Every structure is written in C-alpha cells, then in structure tokens.
Amino acid sequence: MLARDVTEKRFTPTRFREGYAMDDVDAFLERIHATLTAYEQGTAVDVLADVDVVNARFQPTKFREGYSQDEVDDFLDEVVAELRRRESAGGR
C-alpha cells in the first residue's frame, strides 16, 4: 500500500443507517497518508503505529451522511497489515 492509495480511496456514503462521520474519517486518513509518505521517504519519525489504527474510533452518524462502517473498517484492516509489515521490516 502506498500513500497515494489512501488519497484515492473512496467509501460509499450512507444515509438513514449508521455510518462514520466523514470529517473524522477524512482527518484520520490524512494522518495515515502522512505516515505512509514518511515511510516512503525514509523519514518515518513520529508516525502512526498499527495500534493507533486499531484503536481509532469515529463519531457514528445515522440521520446525516457518513461513510460505510464496513468499508472503512475493512480498509483500516489493510492499513494495519501494511503498518505491521513496515514496522517489522524496520520502516522500509
């Protein structure tokens, strides 16, 4: 996974069923993007760890537009796997 994969990721919007607040998810995706960019540039200092992603929580939405919880959770699982791979490889 590359940083650009994060910026290109799109989630299905939800309405009238529970989703995640778009602003919360978007802000966290910016942190993930910055982390992956740092790894790619070899400057991985003060980056998100896999546990930060595992512990991420977002404001739920129901009667306003949000992102599909399942899609966000599935993508974050991919991010966790990538961060663990990079962490075990010494940040490469």
C-alpha atoms as a PDB file:
ATOM      1  CA  MET A   1       0.000   0.000   0.000  1.00  0.00           C
ATOM      2  CA  LEU A   2       1.265   3.443  -0.913  1.00  0.00           C
ATOM      3  CA  ALA A   3       0.320   6.881   0.369  1.00  0.00           C
ATOM      4  CA  ARG A   4      -1.483   7.613  -2.898  1.00  0.00           C
ATOM      5  CA  ASP A   5      -3.748   4.596  -2.273  1.00  0.00           C
ATOM      6  CA  VAL A   6      -5.066   6.407   0.788  1.00  0.00           C
ATOM      7  CA  THR A   7      -5.831   9.624  -1.096  1.00  0.00           C
ATOM      8  CA  GLU A   8      -7.520   7.667  -3.882  1.00  0.00           C
ATOM      9  CA  LYS A   9      -9.694   5.599  -1.525  1.00  0.00           C
ATOM     10  CA  ARG A  10     -13.430   6.277  -1.730  1.00  0.00           C
ATOM     11  CA  PHE A  11     -16.119   4.976   0.600  1.00  0.00           C
ATOM     12  CA  THR A  12     -19.812   4.537  -0.075  1.00  0.00           C
ATOM     13  CA  PRO A  13     -21.834   7.273   1.616  1.00  0.00           C
ATOM     14  CA  THR A  14     -24.593   6.209   3.985  1.00  0.00           C
ATOM     15  CA  ARG A  15     -27.768   7.974   4.967  1.00  0.00           C
ATOM     16  CA  PHE A  16     -30.543   6.833   7.298  1.00  0.00           C
ATOM     17  CA  ARG A  17     -28.348   3.999   8.534  1.00  0.00           C
ATOM     18  CA  GLU A  18     -25.357   4.169  10.796  1.00  0.00           C
ATOM     19  CA  GLY A  19     -22.075   5.271   9.297  1.00  0.00           C
ATOM     20  CA  TYR A  20     -18.908   7.041  10.393  1.00  0.00           C
ATOM     21  CA  ALA A  21     -18.616  10.822  10.427  1.00  0.00           C
ATOM     22  CA  MET A  22     -16.908  11.798   7.190  1.00  0.00           C
ATOM     23  CA  ASP A  23     -14.795  14.571   8.736  1.00  0.00           C
ATOM     24  CA  ASP A  24     -13.450  12.197  11.407  1.00  0.00           C
ATOM     25  CA  VAL A  25     -12.529   9.533   8.866  1.00  0.00           C
ATOM     26  CA  ASP A  26     -11.024  12.048   6.429  1.00  0.00           C
ATOM     27  CA  ALA A  27      -8.852  13.580   9.172  1.00  0.00           C
ATOM     28  CA  PHE A  28      -7.590  10.148  10.195  1.00  0.00           C
ATOM     29  CA  LEU A  29      -6.889   9.224   6.576  1.00  0.00           C
ATOM     30  CA  GLU A  30      -4.710  12.345   6.346  1.00  0.00           C
ATOM     31  CA  ARG A  31      -2.653  11.019   9.270  1.00  0.00           C
ATOM     32  CA  ILE A  32      -2.365   7.621   7.578  1.00  0.00           C
ATOM     33  CA  HIS A  33      -1.294   9.326   4.345  1.00  0.00           C
ATOM     34  CA  ALA A  34       1.371  11.312   6.227  1.00  0.00           C
ATOM     35  CA  THR A  35       2.618   8.122   7.887  1.00  0.00           C
ATOM     36  CA  LEU A  36       2.918   6.200   4.627  1.00  0.00           C
ATOM     37  CA  THR A  37       4.566   9.199   2.954  1.00  0.00           C
ATOM     38  CA  ALA A  38       7.118   9.326   5.775  1.00  0.00           C
ATOM     39  CA  TYR A  39       7.876   5.627   5.329  1.00  0.00           C
ATOM     40  CA  GLU A  40       8.226   6.087   1.565  1.00  0.00           C
ATOM     41  CA  GLN A  41      10.626   8.996   2.051  1.00  0.00           C
ATOM     42  CA  GLY A  42      12.605   7.240   4.778  1.00  0.00           C
ATOM     43  CA  THR A  43      11.649   9.825   7.387  1.00  0.00           C
ATOM     44  CA  ALA A  44       9.381   7.630   9.494  1.00  0.00           C
ATOM     45  CA  VAL A  45       9.620   9.591  12.733  1.00  0.00           C
ATOM     46  CA  ASP A  46       6.546  10.279  14.877  1.00  0.00           C
ATOM     47  CA  VAL A  47       4.275   8.199  12.652  1.00  0.00           C
ATOM     48  CA  LEU A  48       1.119   6.254  13.394  1.00  0.00           C
ATOM     49  CA  ALA A  49       1.650   2.745  14.707  1.00  0.00           C
ATOM     50  CA  ASP A  50      -0.594  -0.186  13.910  1.00  0.00           C
ATOM     51  CA  VAL A  51      -2.118   0.054  17.391  1.00  0.00           C
ATOM     52  CA  ASP A  52      -3.158   3.668  16.686  1.00  0.00           C
ATOM     53  CA  VAL A  53      -5.193   2.460  13.732  1.00  0.00           C
ATOM     54  CA  VAL A  54      -6.652  -0.482  15.672  1.00  0.00           C
ATOM     55  CA  ASN A  55      -7.758   1.897  18.443  1.00  0.00           C
ATOM     56  CA  ALA A  56      -9.194   4.569  16.119  1.00  0.00           C
ATOM     57  CA  ARG A  57     -12.797   5.486  16.835  1.00  0.00           C
ATOM     58  CA  PHE A  58     -15.100   7.671  14.782  1.00  0.00           C
ATOM     59  CA  GLN A  59     -18.275   9.540  15.608  1.00  0.00           C
ATOM     60  CA  PRO A  60     -21.253   7.487  14.394  1.00  0.00           C
ATOM     61  CA  THR A  61     -23.856   9.044  12.110  1.00  0.00           C
ATOM     62  CA  LYS A  62     -27.383   7.954  11.378  1.00  0.00           C
ATOM     63  CA  PHE A  63     -29.571  10.750  10.064  1.00  0.00           C
ATOM     64  CA  ARG A  64     -26.793  12.587   8.264  1.00  0.00           C
ATOM     65  CA  GLU A  65     -24.422  11.376   5.608  1.00  0.00           C
ATOM     66  CA  GLY A  66     -21.494   9.231   6.716  1.00  0.00           C
ATOM     67  CA  TYR A  67     -19.150   6.585   5.349  1.00  0.00           C
ATOM     68  CA  SER A  68     -19.986   2.889   5.280  1.00  0.00           C
ATOM     69  CA  GLN A  69     -18.642   1.442   8.521  1.00  0.00           C
ATOM     70  CA  ASP A  70     -17.832  -1.919   6.942  1.00  0.00           C
ATOM     71  CA  GLU A  71     -15.849  -0.320   4.110  1.00  0.00           C
ATOM     72  CA  VAL A  72     -13.903   1.938   6.468  1.00  0.00           C
ATOM     73  CA  ASP A  73     -13.186  -0.934   8.864  1.00  0.00           C
ATOM     74  CA  ASP A  74     -12.035  -3.197   6.018  1.00  0.00           C
ATOM     75  CA  PHE A  75      -9.704  -0.511   4.682  1.00  0.00           C
ATOM     76  CA  LEU A  76      -8.282   0.153   8.135  1.00  0.00           C
ATOM     77  CA  ASP A  77      -7.582  -3.587   8.460  1.00  0.00           C
ATOM     78  CA  GLU A  78      -5.488  -3.292   5.289  1.00  0.00           C
ATOM     79  CA  VAL A  79      -3.684  -0.271   6.741  1.00  0.00           C
ATOM     80  CA  VAL A  80      -2.918  -2.180   9.953  1.00  0.00           C
ATOM     81  CA  ALA A  81      -1.448  -5.060   7.944  1.00  0.00           C
ATOM     82  CA  GLU A  82       0.689  -2.625   5.937  1.00  0.00           C
ATOM     83  CA  LEU A  83       1.949  -0.798   9.018  1.00  0.00           C
ATOM     84  CA  ARG A  84       2.822  -4.089  10.701  1.00  0.00           C
ATOM     85  CA  ARG A  85       4.718  -5.151   7.597  1.00  0.00           C
ATOM     86  CA  ARG A  86       6.642  -1.883   7.505  1.00  0.00           C
ATOM     87  CA  GLU A  87       7.295  -1.907  11.255  1.00  0.00           C
ATOM     88  CA  SER A  88       8.661  -5.458  11.134  1.00  0.00           C
ATOM     89  CA  ALA A  89      10.833  -4.545   8.134  1.00  0.00           C
ATOM     90  CA  GLY A  90      12.396  -1.701  10.078  1.00  0.00           C
ATOM     91  CA  GLY A  91      10.458   1.092   8.411  1.00  0.00           C
ATOM     92  CA  ARG A  92      11.201   0.162   4.814  1.00  0.00           C
END
